[in-house]
C-alpha cells in the first residue's frame, strides 16, 4: 500500500472538506491512510470514526508506513470513536450538536498543542429521506462553519450503499473529492445557499457560469503555455547566437 499512499498524498486532500465516494474497501483504506498519514505529518490531531476493526487495520497500515500508531494514540494524536458516539444524540442524528462537537474538538486540539484537527467518518447505512436532508444540510454547513478554523474532514460514502442521486448531493456539498485514488477539485461543488435550494433556474444559471469560468481558465492556461514555449524558443535562439559569437571570436 505504500506507493499508493504517497501518490495520493499529492497534497492529500488539499481542501478542508473532502468527500470519498468509494467503490471498494481497498480504495477506502488507501484514501483514509493517506489522509491520516498527512494529518499526523503536519502535527494535527486525527480522529477516525468507524468500526474498531477498521481502526485496527488503519493502525497496521500506519506501522507499514513507519508511524507507530500506539505512540500516536498515547500522545493524543490519533483517536478513535464510533458513528453512534459522534453523530447521534439519544439515538437520533442531530446536525447542530455534531457541528458544535467538531468545533470543540478543533479548539481542544489547538489547546493541546496540535496544529489542527483532521477527522474522517462514514455513512454506514441508508437513512430516511428526512434524515438525508439533515445530512446534506450538515455537510453544507461545514464549509461555512469551519472556513477559518484548522479543520479538515474526509467524509466516506460507500457507493454500494448510497444511491446515485444522493452521491450527487454529496458532490454538491464538498469542494474536493477523492475519486479512485485521485484528489480532484470538484467542479460540481455548490455554495451552501444553492446546494440547499430547490431553485432549478438558479442552479442552471450557476452551471452555465461554471462552464464559462472553466472555459476562461482553459484559455488562460493555453495562453500561458504558448507564451512559455515562445520564450523558450527565443532563449534558445539567443543562446545559439551567443555561442556562435564566442566560436567566431575564438577562431580569430
Protein backbone atom coordinates (compact mmCIF):
# COMPACT_ATOMS: atom_id res chain seq x y z
CA UNK A 1 0.00 0.00 0.00
CA UNK A 2 2.99 2.30 0.44
CA UNK A 3 3.25 3.50 -3.16
CA UNK A 4 -0.42 4.41 -3.32
CA UNK A 5 -0.17 6.41 -0.11
CA UNK A 6 2.50 8.69 -1.40
CA UNK A 7 0.78 9.01 -4.76
CA UNK A 8 -2.49 10.05 -3.12
CA UNK A 9 -0.60 12.36 -0.83
CA UNK A 10 -0.19 14.78 -3.70
CA UNK A 11 -1.23 17.25 -1.06
CA UNK A 12 -3.65 14.59 0.07
CA UNK A 13 -6.88 16.29 0.32
CA UNK A 14 -5.81 19.80 -0.49
CA UNK A 15 -9.21 21.12 0.55
CA UNK A 16 -10.67 21.32 4.02
CA UNK A 17 -13.82 19.37 3.27
CA UNK A 18 -13.33 16.29 1.14
CA UNK A 19 -15.71 13.55 0.08
CA UNK A 20 -14.75 9.97 -0.71
CA UNK A 21 -17.45 8.22 -2.77
CA UNK A 22 -15.65 4.88 -2.78
CA UNK A 23 -16.47 1.63 -4.57
CA UNK A 24 -14.13 -0.87 -2.86
CA UNK A 25 -12.70 -1.37 0.61
CA UNK A 26 -9.13 -1.09 -0.69
CA UNK A 27 -9.96 2.25 -2.31
CA UNK A 28 -11.31 3.48 1.02
CA UNK A 29 -8.37 2.17 3.04
CA UNK A 30 -5.81 3.83 0.78
CA UNK A 31 -7.57 7.19 0.90
CA UNK A 32 -8.02 7.08 4.69
CA UNK A 33 -4.41 6.06 5.23
CA UNK A 34 -3.22 8.92 3.04
CA UNK A 35 -5.48 11.36 4.89
CA UNK A 36 -4.37 10.29 8.39
CA UNK A 37 -0.72 9.96 7.35
CA UNK A 38 -0.65 13.54 6.11
CA UNK A 39 -2.53 14.84 9.13
CA UNK A 40 -0.06 13.28 11.56
CA UNK A 41 2.88 14.50 9.47
CA UNK A 42 1.58 18.08 9.79
CA UNK A 43 1.10 17.93 13.54
CA UNK A 44 -2.68 17.62 13.56
CA UNK A 45 -4.82 15.53 15.84
CA UNK A 46 -6.52 12.84 13.75
CA UNK A 47 -9.93 11.40 14.61
CA UNK A 48 -11.07 8.19 12.94
CA UNK A 49 -14.79 7.46 13.18
CA UNK A 50 -15.78 3.93 12.20
CA UNK A 51 -15.60 0.37 13.47
CA UNK A 52 -12.91 -0.93 15.80
CA UNK A 53 -11.83 -3.44 13.14
CA UNK A 54 -11.30 -0.64 10.59
CA UNK A 55 -9.33 1.36 13.12
CA UNK A 56 -7.06 -1.57 13.94
CA UNK A 57 -6.46 -2.13 10.23
CA UNK A 58 -5.55 1.55 9.87
CA UNK A 59 -3.03 1.14 12.70
CA UNK A 60 -1.36 -1.75 10.87
CA UNK A 61 -1.11 0.28 7.68
CA UNK A 62 0.40 3.21 9.59
CA UNK A 63 3.00 0.85 11.05
CA UNK A 64 3.92 -0.19 7.49
CA UNK A 65 4.46 3.50 6.74
CA UNK A 66 6.84 3.86 9.68
CA UNK A 67 4.36 5.51 12.06
CA UNK A 68 3.86 3.92 15.48
CA UNK A 69 0.10 4.04 15.97
CA UNK A 70 0.36 3.20 19.68
CA UNK A 71 2.70 6.13 20.27
CA UNK A 72 0.40 8.39 18.26
CA UNK A 73 -2.52 7.25 20.41
CA UNK A 74 -0.66 7.71 23.68
CA UNK A 75 0.10 11.35 22.91
CA UNK A 76 -3.44 12.05 21.70
CA UNK A 77 -2.51 12.50 18.06
CA UNK A 78 -4.62 9.56 16.89
CA UNK A 79 -8.06 8.95 18.35
CA UNK A 80 -10.96 6.60 17.69
CA UNK A 81 -14.71 6.90 18.02
CA UNK A 82 -17.84 5.19 16.71
CA UNK A 83 -20.51 6.76 14.45
CA UNK A 84 -23.05 6.39 17.25
CA UNK A 85 -20.87 8.36 19.66
CA UNK A 86 -20.13 11.17 17.21
CA UNK A 87 -23.29 11.60 15.15
CA UNK A 88 -26.23 10.58 17.34
CA UNK A 89 -27.85 12.20 20.35
CA UNK A 90 -30.19 9.78 22.13
CA UNK A 91 -30.09 7.64 19.01
CA UNK A 92 -31.04 10.49 16.64
CA UNK A 93 -28.83 12.40 14.20
CA UNK A 94 -28.51 15.98 15.42
CA UNK A 95 -26.57 18.12 12.91
CA UNK A 96 -26.24 21.15 15.18
CA UNK A 97 -24.87 19.00 18.00
CA UNK A 98 -22.34 17.41 15.66
CA UNK A 99 -21.18 20.80 14.37
CA UNK A 100 -20.77 22.05 17.95
CA UNK A 101 -18.83 18.91 18.83
CA UNK A 102 -16.42 19.37 15.90
CA UNK A 103 -15.88 22.99 16.91
CA UNK A 104 -15.00 21.85 20.44
CA UNK A 105 -12.66 19.16 19.14
CA UNK A 106 -10.77 21.66 16.98
CA UNK A 107 -10.29 24.07 19.86
CA UNK A 108 -9.23 21.27 22.20
CA UNK A 109 -6.67 20.07 19.65
CA UNK A 110 -5.19 23.56 19.42
CA UNK A 111 -5.14 23.89 23.21
CA UNK A 112 -3.27 20.58 23.42
CA UNK A 113 -0.55 21.85 21.11
CA UNK A 114 -1.68 20.35 17.80
CA UNK A 115 -1.88 22.41 14.61
CA UNK A 116 -5.50 21.48 13.98
CA UNK A 117 -7.90 18.58 13.58
CA UNK A 118 -8.37 16.00 10.85
CA UNK A 119 -11.48 13.85 11.12
CA UNK A 120 -12.92 11.15 8.90
CA UNK A 121 -16.28 9.46 9.26
CA UNK A 122 -18.54 7.24 7.17
CA UNK A 123 -22.20 6.83 6.39
CA UNK A 124 -22.88 3.27 7.48
CA UNK A 125 -26.43 2.73 6.21
CA UNK A 126 -29.14 4.31 4.08
CA UNK A 127 -31.07 6.93 6.11
CA UNK A 128 -34.64 8.05 5.54
CA UNK A 129 -35.31 10.98 3.20
CA UNK A 130 -35.80 13.29 6.17
CA UNK A 131 -32.53 12.33 7.83
CA UNK A 132 -30.75 12.57 4.48
CA UNK A 133 -31.88 16.18 4.10
CA UNK A 134 -30.39 16.88 7.53
CA UNK A 135 -27.13 15.22 6.47
CA UNK A 136 -26.96 17.38 3.33
CA UNK A 137 -27.64 20.48 5.45
CA UNK A 138 -24.92 19.43 7.89
CA UNK A 139 -22.38 18.83 5.09
CA UNK A 140 -23.15 22.24 3.59
CA UNK A 141 -22.70 23.99 6.93
CA UNK A 142 -19.22 22.53 7.45
CA UNK A 143 -17.91 24.68 4.60
CA UNK A 144 -19.11 27.85 6.31
CA UNK A 145 -18.65 27.00 9.99
CA UNK A 146 -15.03 25.90 9.73
CA UNK A 147 -13.73 28.12 6.94
CA UNK A 148 -11.43 29.94 9.39
CA UNK A 149 -10.53 27.04 11.66
CA UNK A 150 -7.76 24.46 11.07
CA UNK A 151 -10.17 21.61 10.38
CA UNK A 152 -10.05 19.07 7.56
CA UNK A 153 -12.74 16.45 7.08
CA UNK A 154 -12.82 13.34 4.89
CA UNK A 155 -16.40 12.08 4.51
CA UNK A 156 -16.64 8.46 3.40
CA UNK A 157 -19.66 7.43 1.33
CA UNK A 158 -19.83 3.82 0.07
CA UNK A 159 -21.35 3.76 -3.42
CA UNK A 160 -22.61 0.25 -2.75
CA UNK A 161 -24.87 1.75 -0.08
CA UNK A 162 -25.58 5.33 -1.17
CA UNK A 163 -27.93 5.74 -4.20
CA UNK A 164 -26.59 7.67 -7.20
CA UNK A 165 -28.80 10.73 -6.67
CA UNK A 166 -27.54 11.01 -3.11
CA UNK A 167 -23.91 10.74 -4.23
CA UNK A 168 -24.70 13.77 -6.39
CA UNK A 169 -25.85 15.58 -3.23
CA UNK A 170 -22.51 14.63 -1.65
CA UNK A 171 -20.64 16.17 -4.58
CA UNK A 172 -22.68 19.36 -4.31
CA UNK A 173 -21.53 19.90 -0.70
CA UNK A 174 -17.81 19.05 -0.91
CA UNK A 175 -15.24 21.33 -2.62
CA UNK A 176 -12.84 18.40 -3.11
CA UNK A 177 -13.45 14.75 -3.96
CA UNK A 178 -11.20 11.70 -3.92
CA UNK A 179 -12.15 9.54 -6.91
CA UNK A 180 -10.39 6.23 -7.46
CA UNK A 181 -7.24 7.42 -5.74
CA UNK A 182 -7.14 10.87 -7.34
CA UNK A 183 -7.71 14.05 -5.36
CA UNK A 184 -9.86 16.30 -7.55
CA UNK A 185 -11.02 19.88 -7.26
CA UNK A 186 -14.77 19.41 -7.52
CA UNK A 187 -16.42 21.42 -10.32
CA UNK A 188 -19.85 20.29 -9.07
CA UNK A 189 -19.46 21.87 -5.62
CA UNK A 190 -22.13 24.45 -4.82
CA UNK A 191 -22.23 27.15 -2.21
CA UNK A 192 -24.48 26.19 0.73
CA UNK A 193 -27.34 28.52 -0.28
CA UNK A 194 -27.51 26.87 -3.70
CA UNK A 195 -26.81 23.32 -2.53
CA UNK A 196 -29.76 23.54 -0.13
CA UNK A 197 -32.07 25.21 -2.64
CA UNK A 198 -34.68 23.61 -4.89
CA UNK A 199 -34.42 26.54 -7.32
CA UNK A 200 -33.67 24.76 -10.61
CA UNK A 201 -33.28 28.04 -12.51
CA UNK A 202 -30.65 29.33 -10.06
CA UNK A 203 -28.81 26.02 -10.35
CA UNK A 204 -28.89 26.18 -14.16
CA UNK A 205 -27.59 29.78 -14.14
CA UNK A 206 -24.76 28.66 -11.85
CA UNK A 207 -23.91 25.70 -14.08
CA UNK A 208 -23.75 27.93 -17.15
CA UNK A 209 -21.46 30.33 -15.29
CA UNK A 210 -19.28 27.39 -14.32
CA UNK A 211 -18.92 26.44 -17.98
CA UNK A 212 -17.75 29.95 -18.83
CA UNK A 213 -15.34 30.06 -15.87
CA UNK A 214 -13.89 26.68 -16.85
CA UNK A 215 -13.51 27.77 -20.47
CA UNK A 216 -11.80 31.02 -19.44
CA UNK A 217 -9.39 29.08 -17.20
CA UNK A 218 -8.56 26.71 -20.05
CA UNK A 219 -7.85 29.59 -22.43
CA UNK A 220 -5.67 31.27 -19.81
CA UNK A 221 -3.70 28.05 -19.35
CA UNK A 222 -3.27 27.65 -23.11
CA UNK A 223 -2.07 31.27 -23.42
CA UNK A 224 0.48 30.72 -20.63
CA UNK A 225 1.70 27.52 -22.29
CA UNK A 226 2.06 29.28 -25.64
CA UNK A 227 3.94 32.18 -24.00
CA UNK A 228 6.28 29.78 -22.21
CA UNK A 229 7.05 27.89 -25.43
CA UNK A 230 7.69 31.15 -27.29
CA UNK A 231 10.01 32.39 -24.53
CA UNK A 232 11.92 29.10 -24.56
CA UNK A 233 12.42 29.29 -28.34
CA UNK A 234 13.61 32.88 -28.11
CA UNK A 235 16.03 31.98 -25.30
CA UNK A 236 17.41 29.04 -27.28
CA UNK A 237 17.92 31.31 -30.30
CA UNK A 238 19.76 33.89 -28.21
CA UNK A 239 21.99 31.22 -26.67
CA UNK A 240 22.86 29.82 -30.07
CA UNK A 241 23.69 33.33 -31.32
CA UNK A 242 25.92 33.87 -28.29
CA UNK A 243 27.70 30.53 -28.83
CA UNK A 244 28.27 31.40 -32.48
CA UNK A 245 29.79 34.75 -31.47
CA UNK A 246 32.10 33.04 -28.98
CA UNK A 247 33.22 30.48 -31.55
CA UNK A 248 33.92 33.24 -34.10
CA UNK A 249 35.93 35.17 -31.52
CA UNK A 250 37.95 32.05 -30.62
CA UNK A 251 38.77 31.28 -34.26
CA UNK A 252 40.15 34.78 -34.85
